[in-house]
N, C-alpha and C. Protein backbone atom coordinates (compact mmCIF):
# COMPACT_ATOMS: atom_id res chain seq x y z
N UNK A 1 17.17 -46.72 -7.05
CA UNK A 1 17.71 -46.14 -5.95
C UNK A 1 17.76 -44.60 -5.61
N UNK A 2 17.49 -44.18 -4.49
CA UNK A 2 17.36 -42.60 -4.20
C UNK A 2 18.76 -42.21 -3.80
N UNK A 3 19.34 -41.45 -4.33
CA UNK A 3 20.56 -41.03 -3.79
C UNK A 3 20.65 -39.81 -2.91
N UNK A 4 21.04 -40.10 -1.74
CA UNK A 4 20.87 -39.37 -0.26
C UNK A 4 21.99 -38.48 -0.45
N UNK A 5 21.92 -37.25 -0.54
CA UNK A 5 23.25 -35.94 -0.37
C UNK A 5 22.35 -35.30 0.98
N UNK A 6 23.56 -35.15 1.41
CA UNK A 6 23.74 -33.99 2.71
C UNK A 6 24.78 -32.83 2.48
N UNK A 7 23.77 -31.78 2.55
CA UNK A 7 24.76 -30.37 2.37
C UNK A 7 25.01 -29.45 3.89
N UNK A 8 26.07 -29.15 4.26
CA UNK A 8 26.65 -28.87 5.28
C UNK A 8 26.42 -27.42 5.62
N UNK A 9 25.33 -27.06 4.81
CA UNK A 9 25.01 -25.31 4.68
C UNK A 9 23.76 -25.35 4.20
N UNK A 10 22.71 -24.76 4.70
CA UNK A 10 21.23 -24.32 4.00
C UNK A 10 21.64 -23.73 2.92
N UNK A 11 20.89 -24.01 2.11
CA UNK A 11 20.84 -23.45 0.75
C UNK A 11 19.62 -23.04 0.58
N UNK A 12 19.56 -22.13 -0.49
CA UNK A 12 18.32 -21.44 -0.91
C UNK A 12 17.35 -22.45 -1.98
N UNK A 13 16.07 -22.57 -1.73
CA UNK A 13 15.23 -23.57 -3.10
C UNK A 13 16.00 -23.44 -4.53
N UNK A 14 15.98 -22.26 -4.59
CA UNK A 14 16.33 -21.77 -6.08
C UNK A 14 17.67 -22.37 -6.81
N UNK A 15 18.23 -22.97 -5.83
CA UNK A 15 19.70 -23.65 -6.02
C UNK A 15 19.48 -25.01 -6.05
N UNK A 16 18.39 -25.77 -5.42
CA UNK A 16 18.09 -26.84 -5.20
C UNK A 16 17.02 -27.42 -6.07
N UNK A 17 16.55 -26.42 -6.69
CA UNK A 17 15.38 -26.81 -7.51
C UNK A 17 15.60 -27.91 -8.86
N UNK A 18 17.05 -27.99 -9.38
CA UNK A 18 17.28 -28.63 -10.22
C UNK A 18 17.57 -30.13 -9.72
N UNK A 19 17.51 -30.60 -8.86
CA UNK A 19 17.57 -31.88 -8.14
C UNK A 19 16.28 -32.63 -8.53
N UNK A 20 16.25 -34.01 -9.42
CA UNK A 20 14.90 -34.27 -9.49
C UNK A 20 14.82 -35.34 -8.06
N UNK A 21 13.26 -35.07 -7.56
CA UNK A 21 12.95 -35.43 -6.41
C UNK A 21 13.11 -37.14 -6.50
N UNK A 22 12.85 -37.42 -8.15
CA UNK A 22 12.90 -38.85 -8.21
C UNK A 22 13.84 -39.55 -8.16
N UNK A 23 15.57 -38.79 -7.99
CA UNK A 23 16.66 -39.35 -7.70
C UNK A 23 17.28 -38.68 -6.91
N UNK A 24 17.04 -38.01 -6.61
CA UNK A 24 17.98 -37.30 -4.92
C UNK A 24 17.03 -36.86 -3.73
N UNK A 25 17.51 -37.77 -2.89
CA UNK A 25 16.88 -37.00 -1.68
C UNK A 25 17.76 -36.11 -0.78
N UNK A 26 17.53 -34.58 -0.51
CA UNK A 26 18.39 -33.42 -0.09
C UNK A 26 17.81 -33.35 1.50
N UNK A 27 19.21 -33.61 2.44
CA UNK A 27 19.11 -33.08 3.33
C UNK A 27 20.26 -31.82 3.55
N UNK A 28 19.92 -30.94 4.67
CA UNK A 28 20.77 -29.85 4.93
C UNK A 28 20.88 -29.40 6.45
N UNK A 29 22.18 -29.12 6.83
CA UNK A 29 22.17 -28.46 8.66
C UNK A 29 23.51 -27.10 8.30
N UNK A 30 23.32 -26.24 9.14
CA UNK A 30 24.07 -25.60 9.01
C UNK A 30 25.51 -25.83 10.23
N UNK A 31 26.22 -25.98 9.63
CA UNK A 31 27.65 -26.65 10.62
C UNK A 31 28.33 -25.90 11.07
N UNK A 32 28.25 -24.28 10.81
CA UNK A 32 29.14 -23.08 11.21
C UNK A 32 27.46 -22.05 11.37
N UNK A 33 27.97 -21.19 12.39
CA UNK A 33 26.95 -20.24 12.88
C UNK A 33 27.99 -18.47 12.54
N UNK A 34 27.47 -18.03 12.06
CA UNK A 34 28.22 -16.30 11.89
C UNK A 34 27.77 -15.48 12.86
N UNK A 35 28.38 -14.44 13.31
CA UNK A 35 27.99 -13.47 14.38
C UNK A 35 28.69 -12.36 13.90
N UNK A 36 28.45 -11.14 13.50
CA UNK A 36 28.99 -9.86 13.17
C UNK A 36 29.62 -9.31 14.01
N UNK A 37 30.99 -8.41 14.02
CA UNK A 37 31.59 -7.89 14.96
C UNK A 37 31.55 -6.45 14.98
N UNK A 38 31.21 -5.81 15.76
CA UNK A 38 31.15 -4.33 15.97
C UNK A 38 32.87 -3.75 16.70
N UNK A 39 33.41 -3.40 15.54
CA UNK A 39 34.95 -2.98 15.89
C UNK A 39 34.80 -2.20 16.83
N UNK A 40 35.28 -2.08 17.80
CA UNK A 40 35.78 -0.90 18.88
C UNK A 40 35.99 0.45 18.51
N UNK A 41 36.85 0.45 17.73
CA UNK A 41 37.07 1.79 16.76
C UNK A 41 37.07 1.77 15.84
N UNK A 42 36.54 2.48 15.01
CA UNK A 42 36.54 2.68 13.74
C UNK A 42 37.80 3.12 13.02
N UNK A 43 38.36 2.42 12.31
CA UNK A 43 39.44 3.20 12.02
C UNK A 43 39.38 4.08 10.52
N UNK A 44 40.71 4.51 10.37
CA UNK A 44 40.38 5.55 9.22
C UNK A 44 40.88 4.45 7.97
N UNK A 45 39.95 4.34 6.92
CA UNK A 45 40.71 3.68 6.11
C UNK A 45 41.13 3.77 4.75
N UNK A 46 41.96 3.07 4.53
CA UNK A 46 43.01 3.38 3.20
C UNK A 46 42.45 3.39 1.90
N UNK A 47 43.10 3.38 0.86
CA UNK A 47 42.77 3.40 -0.25
C UNK A 47 42.33 1.99 -0.78
N UNK A 48 42.82 1.02 -0.79
CA UNK A 48 42.73 -0.04 -0.72
C UNK A 48 42.02 -1.25 0.12
N UNK A 49 40.93 -1.77 0.19
CA UNK A 49 40.36 -2.50 0.53
C UNK A 49 39.88 -4.19 0.15
N UNK A 50 40.12 -5.00 0.90
CA UNK A 50 40.00 -6.37 0.45
C UNK A 50 39.03 -7.19 1.38
N UNK A 51 38.12 -7.92 0.31
CA UNK A 51 37.20 -8.58 0.98
C UNK A 51 37.47 -10.13 0.65
N UNK A 52 37.41 -10.95 1.56
CA UNK A 52 37.62 -12.49 1.08
C UNK A 52 36.11 -13.05 1.30
N UNK A 53 35.24 -12.90 1.49
CA UNK A 53 33.81 -13.31 1.67
C UNK A 53 32.70 -12.61 1.66
N UNK A 54 31.40 -13.17 1.47
CA UNK A 54 30.36 -12.31 1.50
C UNK A 54 30.12 -11.80 2.73
N UNK A 55 30.29 -12.52 3.94
CA UNK A 55 30.54 -12.49 5.39
C UNK A 55 31.38 -11.15 5.77
N UNK A 56 32.41 -10.85 5.06
CA UNK A 56 33.35 -10.08 5.23
C UNK A 56 32.49 -8.58 4.68
N UNK A 57 31.90 -8.74 3.85
CA UNK A 57 31.19 -7.40 3.15
C UNK A 57 30.25 -7.00 3.88
N UNK A 58 29.68 -7.98 4.25
CA UNK A 58 28.19 -8.04 5.56
C UNK A 58 28.83 -7.08 6.96
N UNK A 59 29.86 -7.78 7.57
CA UNK A 59 30.77 -7.36 8.78
C UNK A 59 30.98 -6.00 8.33
N UNK A 60 31.60 -5.66 7.46
CA UNK A 60 31.96 -4.44 6.74
C UNK A 60 30.65 -3.33 7.18
N UNK A 61 29.67 -3.73 6.82
CA UNK A 61 28.33 -2.75 6.53
C UNK A 61 27.77 -2.86 7.96
N UNK A 62 28.09 -3.89 8.70
CA UNK A 62 27.80 -3.65 10.09
C UNK A 62 28.76 -2.22 10.97
N UNK A 63 29.47 -2.11 10.33
CA UNK A 63 30.50 -1.09 10.73
C UNK A 63 30.67 0.31 10.43
N UNK A 64 30.58 0.42 8.99
CA UNK A 64 30.53 1.58 7.85
C UNK A 64 29.51 1.68 6.96
N UNK A 65 29.21 2.82 6.45
CA UNK A 65 28.27 2.79 5.48
C UNK A 65 28.96 2.62 4.21
N UNK A 66 28.09 1.81 3.41
CA UNK A 66 28.42 1.38 1.93
C UNK A 66 28.77 2.73 0.94
N UNK A 67 28.56 3.79 1.34
CA UNK A 67 28.86 4.58 0.81
C UNK A 67 30.71 5.04 0.65
N UNK A 68 31.25 4.89 1.50
CA UNK A 68 32.61 4.96 2.28
C UNK A 68 33.72 3.92 0.89
N UNK A 69 32.74 3.10 0.35
CA UNK A 69 33.42 2.08 -0.46
C UNK A 69 33.68 2.92 -1.67
N UNK A 70 32.53 3.69 -2.55
CA UNK A 70 32.92 4.14 -3.67
C UNK A 70 33.82 5.38 -3.69
N UNK A 71 34.71 4.91 -4.74
CA UNK A 71 35.96 5.53 -5.10
C UNK A 71 37.39 5.04 -4.19
N UNK A 72 37.07 3.61 -3.51
CA UNK A 72 38.40 2.89 -3.10
C UNK A 72 38.75 2.08 -4.37
N UNK A 73 39.38 1.59 -4.14
CA UNK A 73 40.07 0.14 -4.82
C UNK A 73 39.56 -1.03 -3.86
N UNK A 74 38.97 -1.59 -4.56
CA UNK A 74 38.32 -2.90 -3.86
C UNK A 74 38.86 -4.25 -4.85
N UNK A 75 39.40 -5.38 -3.63
CA UNK A 75 40.09 -6.18 -4.23
C UNK A 75 38.93 -7.76 -3.87
N UNK A 76 38.30 -8.61 -4.18
CA UNK A 76 37.81 -9.30 -3.67
C UNK A 76 38.12 -11.22 -4.28
N UNK A 77 37.67 -11.98 -3.27
CA UNK A 77 37.68 -13.27 -3.55
C UNK A 77 36.48 -13.61 -3.66
N UNK A 78 35.77 -14.41 -5.00
CA UNK A 78 34.91 -14.92 -5.11
C UNK A 78 33.86 -14.28 -5.65
N UNK A 79 33.08 -14.88 -7.01
CA UNK A 79 31.94 -14.31 -7.25
C UNK A 79 31.04 -13.55 -6.70
N UNK A 80 30.51 -14.50 -5.52
CA UNK A 80 29.36 -14.21 -4.44
C UNK A 80 29.53 -12.78 -4.09
N UNK A 81 31.29 -12.78 -3.30
CA UNK A 81 31.41 -11.60 -2.98
C UNK A 81 31.64 -10.53 -3.59
N UNK A 82 31.98 -10.52 -5.03
CA UNK A 82 31.82 -9.71 -5.78
C UNK A 82 30.40 -9.12 -6.03
N UNK A 83 29.31 -10.13 -6.29
CA UNK A 83 28.09 -9.49 -6.67
C UNK A 83 27.32 -9.09 -5.70
N UNK A 84 27.60 -9.32 -4.37
CA UNK A 84 26.94 -8.49 -3.11
C UNK A 84 27.39 -6.93 -3.03
N UNK A 85 29.21 -6.63 -3.83
CA UNK A 85 29.44 -5.34 -3.71
C UNK A 85 28.57 -4.80 -4.81
N UNK A 86 28.45 -5.28 -5.81
CA UNK A 86 28.29 -4.68 -7.12
C UNK A 86 26.76 -4.33 -6.70
N UNK A 87 25.84 -5.11 -5.95
CA UNK A 87 24.53 -4.86 -5.56
C UNK A 87 24.36 -3.69 -4.77
N UNK A 88 25.66 -3.39 -3.91
CA UNK A 88 25.67 -2.00 -3.32
C UNK A 88 26.00 -1.04 -4.28
N UNK A 89 26.15 -1.36 -5.51
CA UNK A 89 26.73 0.02 -6.17
C UNK A 89 27.98 0.27 -6.26
N UNK A 90 28.88 -0.60 -5.66
CA UNK A 90 30.55 -0.56 -5.52
C UNK A 90 31.04 -1.25 -6.78
N UNK A 91 32.25 -0.74 -7.15
CA UNK A 91 32.82 -1.02 -8.52
C UNK A 91 33.81 -2.15 -7.85
N UNK A 92 34.11 -3.31 -8.31
CA UNK A 92 35.12 -4.00 -7.67
C UNK A 92 36.71 -4.17 -8.67
N UNK A 93 37.76 -4.03 -8.52
CA UNK A 93 38.49 -3.61 -8.92
C UNK A 93 39.52 -4.91 -9.60
N UNK A 94 39.54 -5.74 -8.48
CA UNK A 94 40.38 -6.96 -8.74
C UNK A 94 39.57 -8.02 -8.19
N UNK A 95 39.14 -9.07 -8.84
CA UNK A 95 38.33 -10.12 -8.37
C UNK A 95 39.29 -11.69 -8.71
N UNK A 96 39.70 -12.73 -7.68
CA UNK A 96 40.00 -13.56 -7.85
C UNK A 96 39.21 -14.66 -7.16
N UNK A 97 39.76 -15.80 -7.64
CA UNK A 97 38.57 -17.25 -7.25
C UNK A 97 39.05 -17.68 -5.96
N UNK A 98 40.55 -17.19 -5.17
CA UNK A 98 41.07 -17.71 -4.01
C UNK A 98 41.97 -16.77 -3.90
N UNK A 99 42.45 -16.64 -2.52
CA UNK A 99 43.07 -15.39 -1.80
C UNK A 99 44.47 -15.70 -2.21
N UNK A 100 45.01 -17.09 -2.41
CA UNK A 100 46.36 -17.42 -2.98
C UNK A 100 46.80 -16.75 -4.37
N UNK A 101 45.81 -16.48 -5.38
CA UNK A 101 45.74 -16.00 -6.19
C UNK A 101 46.61 -14.63 -6.56
N UNK A 102 46.37 -13.88 -5.56
CA UNK A 102 46.48 -12.27 -5.60
C UNK A 102 48.12 -12.75 -5.43
N UNK A 103 49.07 -13.45 -5.01
CA UNK A 103 50.27 -13.74 -4.80
C UNK A 103 50.79 -13.31 -6.67
N UNK A 104 49.91 -13.82 -7.75
CA UNK A 104 50.37 -14.12 -9.36
C UNK A 104 50.25 -12.57 -9.52
N UNK A 105 49.85 -11.89 -9.37
CA UNK A 105 49.72 -10.31 -9.87
C UNK A 105 50.87 -9.99 -9.72
N UNK A 106 51.31 -9.17 -11.06
CA UNK A 106 52.64 -8.61 -11.08
C UNK A 106 52.73 -7.45 -9.94
N UNK A 107 53.84 -7.05 -9.92
CA UNK A 107 53.99 -5.74 -8.71
C UNK A 107 53.03 -4.27 -9.23
N UNK A 108 53.25 -3.96 -10.74
CA UNK A 108 52.68 -3.07 -11.47
C UNK A 108 51.11 -3.26 -11.33
N UNK A 109 50.64 -4.39 -11.20
CA UNK A 109 48.87 -4.68 -10.89
C UNK A 109 48.43 -3.92 -9.76
N UNK A 110 49.43 -3.89 -8.78
CA UNK A 110 49.18 -3.87 -7.40
C UNK A 110 49.34 -2.16 -6.86
N UNK A 111 48.06 -1.68 -6.46
CA UNK A 111 48.49 0.00 -6.22
C UNK A 111 49.02 0.02 -4.69
N UNK A 112 49.56 1.14 -4.46
CA UNK A 112 50.28 1.23 -3.36
C UNK A 112 49.52 1.04 -2.16
N UNK A 113 50.21 0.73 -1.26
CA UNK A 113 49.19 0.05 0.12
C UNK A 113 49.59 1.32 0.95
N UNK A 114 49.20 1.31 2.23
CA UNK A 114 48.93 -0.17 2.65
C UNK A 114 47.48 -0.32 2.44
N UNK A 115 47.04 -1.78 2.61
CA UNK A 115 45.80 -2.35 2.45
C UNK A 115 45.13 -2.63 3.78
N UNK A 116 43.53 -2.40 3.69
CA UNK A 116 42.59 -3.00 4.24
C UNK A 116 42.07 -4.13 4.31
N UNK A 117 42.09 -5.08 5.23
CA UNK A 117 41.99 -6.78 4.80
C UNK A 117 40.68 -6.84 5.87
N UNK A 118 39.21 -7.02 5.52
CA UNK A 118 38.41 -7.19 6.20
C UNK A 118 37.80 -9.19 6.14
N UNK A 119 37.80 -9.53 7.28
CA UNK A 119 37.75 -11.42 7.15
C UNK A 119 37.23 -11.63 8.05
N UNK A 120 37.01 -12.86 8.80
CA UNK A 120 36.21 -13.56 9.90
C UNK A 120 37.52 -13.91 10.77
N UNK A 121 37.15 -14.46 12.20
CA UNK A 121 38.14 -14.99 12.97
C UNK A 121 38.68 -16.28 12.73
N UNK A 122 38.12 -16.94 11.73
CA UNK A 122 38.58 -18.44 11.40
C UNK A 122 39.44 -17.97 9.82
N UNK A 123 39.33 -16.82 9.39
CA UNK A 123 40.26 -17.00 8.11
C UNK A 123 41.38 -17.23 8.06
N UNK A 124 41.73 -18.20 6.87
CA UNK A 124 43.41 -18.56 6.81
C UNK A 124 43.94 -17.47 6.11
N UNK A 125 45.37 -17.37 6.50
CA UNK A 125 46.33 -16.21 6.12
C UNK A 125 46.99 -16.18 4.85
N UNK A 126 46.07 -16.45 3.75
CA UNK A 126 46.35 -16.74 2.22
C UNK A 126 46.38 -15.42 1.73
N UNK A 127 45.71 -14.22 2.32
CA UNK A 127 46.00 -13.18 1.74
C UNK A 127 47.35 -12.37 2.37
N UNK A 128 47.46 -12.60 3.62
CA UNK A 128 48.86 -12.27 4.30
C UNK A 128 49.92 -12.41 3.26
N UNK A 129 50.04 -13.99 2.97
CA UNK A 129 51.12 -14.67 2.48
C UNK A 129 51.24 -14.33 0.99
N UNK A 130 50.15 -13.79 0.39
CA UNK A 130 50.09 -13.24 -1.03
C UNK A 130 50.66 -11.88 -1.31
N UNK A 131 50.25 -11.17 -0.41
CA UNK A 131 51.05 -10.11 -0.26
C UNK A 131 51.93 -9.69 0.79
N UNK A 132 52.89 -10.68 0.92
CA UNK A 132 53.68 -10.72 1.95
C UNK A 132 54.87 -9.45 1.48
N UNK A 133 55.25 -8.49 2.46
CA UNK A 133 55.73 -7.81 2.11
C UNK A 133 55.36 -6.09 1.78
N UNK A 134 53.95 -6.02 1.64
CA UNK A 134 52.73 -4.87 1.59
C UNK A 134 52.54 -4.74 2.97
N UNK A 135 52.13 -3.51 3.22
CA UNK A 135 51.44 -3.20 4.36
C UNK A 135 50.07 -3.28 4.24
N UNK A 136 49.66 -4.45 5.55
CA UNK A 136 48.31 -4.93 5.52
C UNK A 136 47.86 -5.07 6.69
N UNK A 137 46.32 -4.06 6.98
CA UNK A 137 45.96 -4.33 7.97
C UNK A 137 44.88 -5.26 8.06
N UNK A 138 44.70 -5.98 9.14
CA UNK A 138 43.50 -7.05 9.28
C UNK A 138 42.65 -6.76 10.27
N UNK A 139 41.36 -6.66 9.96
CA UNK A 139 40.10 -6.50 10.68
C UNK A 139 39.21 -6.97 10.65
N UNK A 140 38.53 -7.94 11.84
CA UNK A 140 37.90 -9.40 11.94
C UNK A 140 36.64 -8.90 12.22
N UNK A 141 35.85 -8.68 11.24
CA UNK A 141 34.21 -8.35 11.20
C UNK A 141 33.23 -9.64 11.45
N UNK A 142 33.73 -10.60 11.53
CA UNK A 142 32.78 -11.56 11.86
C UNK A 142 33.08 -12.65 12.63
N UNK A 143 32.56 -13.31 13.60
CA UNK A 143 33.02 -14.50 14.19
C UNK A 143 32.45 -15.90 13.68
N UNK A 144 33.42 -16.89 13.41
CA UNK A 144 32.85 -18.23 12.83
C UNK A 144 32.77 -18.90 14.10
N UNK A 145 31.51 -19.80 14.36
CA UNK A 145 31.40 -20.50 15.49
C UNK A 145 31.22 -22.08 14.96
N UNK A 146 31.75 -22.99 15.77
CA UNK A 146 31.50 -24.36 14.89
C UNK A 146 30.20 -24.93 15.82
N UNK A 147 29.41 -25.37 14.73
CA UNK A 147 28.01 -26.24 14.86
C UNK A 147 28.23 -27.64 14.55
N UNK A 148 28.94 -28.46 15.81
CA UNK A 148 29.27 -29.78 15.19
C UNK A 148 27.48 -30.68 15.29
N UNK A 149 27.14 -31.81 14.46
CA UNK A 149 26.24 -32.56 14.54
C UNK A 149 26.67 -33.57 14.14
N UNK A 150 26.07 -34.96 14.66
CA UNK A 150 26.40 -36.48 14.50
C UNK A 150 25.03 -36.88 13.63
N UNK A 151 25.51 -37.17 12.39
CA UNK A 151 24.54 -37.36 11.30
C UNK A 151 24.07 -38.84 11.56
N UNK A 152 22.46 -38.68 11.83
CA UNK A 152 21.79 -39.60 12.29
C UNK A 152 21.82 -40.99 11.01
N UNK A 153 22.03 -40.74 10.23
CA UNK A 153 22.08 -41.85 9.28
C UNK A 153 23.50 -41.89 7.95
N UNK A 154 23.53 -42.75 7.05
CA UNK A 154 24.46 -42.51 6.23
C UNK A 154 24.03 -41.78 4.90
N UNK A 155 24.87 -41.41 4.02
CA UNK A 155 24.95 -40.49 3.03
C UNK A 155 25.86 -41.08 1.82
N UNK A 156 25.22 -40.78 0.64
CA UNK A 156 26.35 -41.32 -0.98
C UNK A 156 26.98 -39.68 -1.05
N UNK A 157 26.76 -38.89 -0.46
CA UNK A 157 27.74 -37.55 -0.68
C UNK A 157 27.29 -36.55 0.48
N UNK A 158 28.10 -35.75 0.74
CA UNK A 158 28.48 -34.79 1.85
C UNK A 158 29.07 -33.86 1.57
N UNK A 159 28.16 -32.61 1.22
CA UNK A 159 28.94 -31.31 0.51
C UNK A 159 29.48 -30.35 1.41
N UNK A 160 30.70 -29.92 1.11
CA UNK A 160 31.11 -28.93 2.29
C UNK A 160 31.46 -27.30 1.54
N UNK A 161 31.25 -26.60 1.99
CA UNK A 161 31.46 -24.97 1.46
C UNK A 161 32.63 -24.40 2.23
N UNK A 162 33.40 -24.70 3.46
CA UNK A 162 34.16 -24.07 4.23
C UNK A 162 35.21 -25.06 5.05
N UNK A 163 36.31 -24.40 5.11
CA UNK A 163 37.17 -25.25 6.05
C UNK A 163 36.85 -25.32 7.38
N UNK A 164 35.94 -24.24 7.72
CA UNK A 164 35.40 -24.27 9.23
C UNK A 164 34.29 -25.47 9.29
N UNK A 165 33.47 -25.60 8.25
CA UNK A 165 32.56 -26.64 8.17
C UNK A 165 32.95 -27.94 8.11
N UNK A 166 34.20 -27.91 7.37
CA UNK A 166 34.76 -29.62 7.55
C UNK A 166 35.22 -29.54 9.02
N UNK A 167 36.33 -28.97 9.86
CA UNK A 167 36.20 -29.30 11.13
C UNK A 167 35.12 -29.28 11.83
N UNK A 168 34.13 -28.48 11.89
CA UNK A 168 32.88 -28.76 12.58
C UNK A 168 32.23 -30.29 12.43
N UNK A 169 32.35 -30.52 10.95
CA UNK A 169 31.61 -31.98 10.64
C UNK A 169 32.32 -33.20 11.53
N UNK A 170 33.72 -32.90 11.32
CA UNK A 170 34.30 -33.94 11.76
C UNK A 170 34.85 -34.08 13.32
N UNK A 171 34.42 -33.68 14.11
CA UNK A 171 33.82 -33.12 15.74
C UNK A 171 33.17 -34.37 16.24
N UNK A 172 32.02 -34.62 15.40
CA UNK A 172 31.33 -35.74 15.75
C UNK A 172 31.06 -36.51 14.67
N UNK A 173 31.81 -37.06 13.55
CA UNK A 173 31.31 -37.69 12.64
C UNK A 173 32.68 -38.38 12.05
N UNK A 174 32.83 -39.43 11.35
CA UNK A 174 33.98 -39.86 10.81
C UNK A 174 33.84 -40.19 9.39
N UNK A 175 34.90 -40.48 8.63
CA UNK A 175 35.05 -40.71 7.43
C UNK A 175 34.46 -41.98 6.94
N UNK A 176 33.27 -42.13 6.11
CA UNK A 176 33.02 -43.33 5.19
C UNK A 176 33.25 -43.52 4.45
N UNK A 177 33.83 -44.72 4.24
CA UNK A 177 34.50 -45.24 2.63
C UNK A 177 33.20 -45.71 1.58
N UNK A 178 31.87 -45.10 1.85
CA UNK A 178 30.79 -45.80 0.98
C UNK A 178 30.57 -44.10 0.66
N UNK A 179 31.01 -43.06 0.92
CA UNK A 179 30.50 -41.81 0.74
C UNK A 179 31.57 -40.84 -0.28
N UNK A 180 30.94 -40.21 -1.18
CA UNK A 180 31.85 -39.18 -1.68
C UNK A 180 31.54 -37.96 -1.29
N UNK A 181 32.70 -37.10 -0.77
CA UNK A 181 32.94 -35.66 -0.43
C UNK A 181 33.18 -34.78 -1.51
N UNK A 182 32.41 -33.83 -1.59
CA UNK A 182 32.40 -32.64 -2.48
C UNK A 182 32.74 -31.53 -1.77
N UNK A 183 33.40 -30.84 -2.37
CA UNK A 183 33.77 -29.76 -1.81
C UNK A 183 33.67 -28.19 -2.93
N UNK A 184 33.44 -26.94 -2.28
CA UNK A 184 33.30 -26.00 -3.21
C UNK A 184 34.70 -25.37 -4.11
N UNK A 185 35.49 -25.80 -3.61
CA UNK A 185 36.96 -25.23 -3.88
C UNK A 185 37.79 -25.97 -2.88
N UNK A 186 39.01 -25.40 -3.96
CA UNK A 186 40.88 -25.90 -3.25
C UNK A 186 40.93 -25.86 -1.84
N UNK A 187 40.49 -24.80 -1.19
CA UNK A 187 40.75 -24.48 -0.10
C UNK A 187 39.56 -25.35 1.00
N UNK A 188 38.76 -25.52 0.82
CA UNK A 188 37.62 -26.64 1.24
C UNK A 188 38.19 -28.06 1.12
N UNK A 189 38.63 -28.17 -0.05
CA UNK A 189 39.19 -29.28 -0.34
C UNK A 189 40.51 -29.97 -0.22
N UNK A 190 41.16 -29.01 0.20
CA UNK A 190 42.39 -29.35 1.29
C UNK A 190 42.37 -29.47 2.87
N UNK A 191 41.44 -28.76 3.22
CA UNK A 191 40.87 -29.15 4.45
C UNK A 191 40.12 -30.67 4.76
N UNK A 192 39.18 -31.33 3.95
CA UNK A 192 38.94 -32.50 3.91
C UNK A 192 40.12 -33.40 3.81
N UNK A 193 40.96 -32.95 2.56
CA UNK A 193 42.07 -34.13 2.48
C UNK A 193 43.24 -34.08 3.75
N UNK A 194 43.11 -32.86 4.64
CA UNK A 194 43.49 -33.11 5.90
C UNK A 194 43.40 -33.94 6.89
N UNK A 195 41.87 -33.65 6.95
CA UNK A 195 40.89 -34.48 7.79
C UNK A 195 41.22 -35.86 7.51
N UNK A 196 41.62 -36.25 6.35
CA UNK A 196 41.86 -37.87 5.61
C UNK A 196 40.87 -38.50 4.90
N UNK A 197 40.18 -37.37 4.30
CA UNK A 197 39.40 -38.01 3.12
C UNK A 197 40.54 -38.04 1.87
N UNK A 198 40.28 -38.93 1.52
CA UNK A 198 41.20 -39.58 0.28
C UNK A 198 40.79 -39.05 -1.11
N UNK A 199 39.85 -39.02 -1.46
CA UNK A 199 39.35 -38.44 -2.70
C UNK A 199 38.44 -37.41 -2.17
N UNK A 200 38.53 -36.48 -2.93
CA UNK A 200 37.71 -34.99 -2.67
C UNK A 200 36.98 -34.58 -4.02
N UNK A 201 35.77 -34.36 -4.59
CA UNK A 201 35.97 -33.70 -6.16
C UNK A 201 35.13 -32.23 -5.76
N UNK A 202 35.58 -31.82 -6.69
CA UNK A 202 35.29 -30.02 -6.39
C UNK A 202 35.34 -29.46 -7.71
N UNK A 203 34.75 -28.45 -8.10
CA UNK A 203 34.59 -28.00 -9.46
C UNK A 203 35.63 -26.95 -9.81
N UNK A 204 35.88 -26.95 -11.43
CA UNK A 204 37.23 -26.27 -11.72
C UNK A 204 36.62 -24.70 -10.72
N UNK A 205 35.36 -24.14 -11.20
CA UNK A 205 34.98 -22.58 -10.56
C UNK A 205 34.39 -23.03 -9.29
N UNK A 206 35.02 -22.31 -8.31
CA UNK A 206 34.25 -22.52 -7.13
C UNK A 206 33.40 -21.33 -6.72
N UNK A 207 32.13 -22.31 -7.16
CA UNK A 207 30.40 -21.44 -6.91
C UNK A 207 29.58 -22.56 -6.74
N UNK A 208 28.89 -22.41 -5.95
CA UNK A 208 27.27 -22.95 -5.47
C UNK A 208 26.99 -24.08 -6.65
N UNK A 209 26.95 -23.01 -7.70
CA UNK A 209 26.06 -23.52 -8.89
C UNK A 209 27.28 -24.44 -9.59
N UNK A 210 28.17 -24.25 -10.07
CA UNK A 210 29.13 -25.37 -10.32
C UNK A 210 29.26 -26.36 -9.49
N UNK A 211 29.18 -26.21 -8.42
CA UNK A 211 29.57 -27.82 -7.64
C UNK A 211 28.06 -28.43 -7.43
N UNK A 212 27.17 -27.79 -7.92
CA UNK A 212 25.68 -28.44 -7.96
C UNK A 212 25.93 -29.04 -8.87
N UNK A 213 26.16 -28.67 -10.48
CA UNK A 213 26.27 -29.13 -11.68
C UNK A 213 27.25 -30.69 -11.59
N UNK A 214 28.46 -30.39 -10.87
CA UNK A 214 29.25 -31.38 -10.55
C UNK A 214 28.79 -32.48 -9.73
N UNK A 215 27.73 -32.31 -8.95
CA UNK A 215 27.00 -33.36 -8.17
C UNK A 215 26.51 -34.16 -8.87
N UNK A 216 25.42 -33.30 -9.84
CA UNK A 216 24.35 -34.13 -10.62
C UNK A 216 25.16 -35.00 -12.01
N UNK A 217 26.51 -34.41 -12.43
CA UNK A 217 27.33 -34.90 -13.31
C UNK A 217 27.67 -36.06 -13.06
N UNK A 218 28.41 -35.99 -11.31
CA UNK A 218 29.00 -37.43 -11.16
C UNK A 218 28.07 -38.61 -10.65
N UNK A 219 26.91 -38.30 -10.52
CA UNK A 219 25.58 -39.62 -10.11
C UNK A 219 25.05 -40.00 -11.41
N UNK A 220 24.95 -39.07 -12.10
CA UNK A 220 24.12 -39.81 -13.38
C UNK A 220 25.47 -40.46 -14.38
N UNK A 221 26.68 -40.00 -14.45
CA UNK A 221 27.54 -40.55 -14.85
C UNK A 221 27.80 -42.38 -13.99
N UNK A 222 27.41 -41.82 -12.91
CA UNK A 222 27.81 -43.41 -12.05
C UNK A 222 26.86 -44.48 -11.95
N UNK A 223 25.68 -43.78 -12.94
CA UNK A 223 24.02 -44.63 -12.66
C UNK A 223 24.75 -45.87 -13.14
């Protein structure tokens, strides 16, 4: 029996190549759309910059030269965010899997602020909560639009990569008791739980590769 899987984000072929065509049928669609924002007034940047996603880095580069990042202290959330900055020749100072992890840093690990945080219009306040008491400037450099779509059929698994995609998905779809729900990390998993999903599977490490490995392991284990 073929296992039908639906990804709520378009993924490159190299990530999906490890799925056996004899065992899995893969469908994908973007449930959110990203549009980068041009800041009306370019601020003078402080010494510490925070990026909570790849899109935040791309949005920053729509407004500033990447050269400005060199010599700054750079805080990031996620492997892919760090990887993109490193491709630009920028050294990352502190990397965490989740924005809330910054609250675990000792005060002596945090350089003196103020901090400049680059994010999206739908970004959660976890950075602000983690750095409470610090001077923090928030700059929204990309806009996230919801792209709801009603699935035409049923799937054994539906995969999510962001809380915004969860919101978008359930605008036109309901929870199915015969479907397994997978999330890339804790924040997306919490969004699914808030939507009413009873059980959510997510990898220990929030990355697309870890998530795909978990999906394959789960279905091979349940065959």
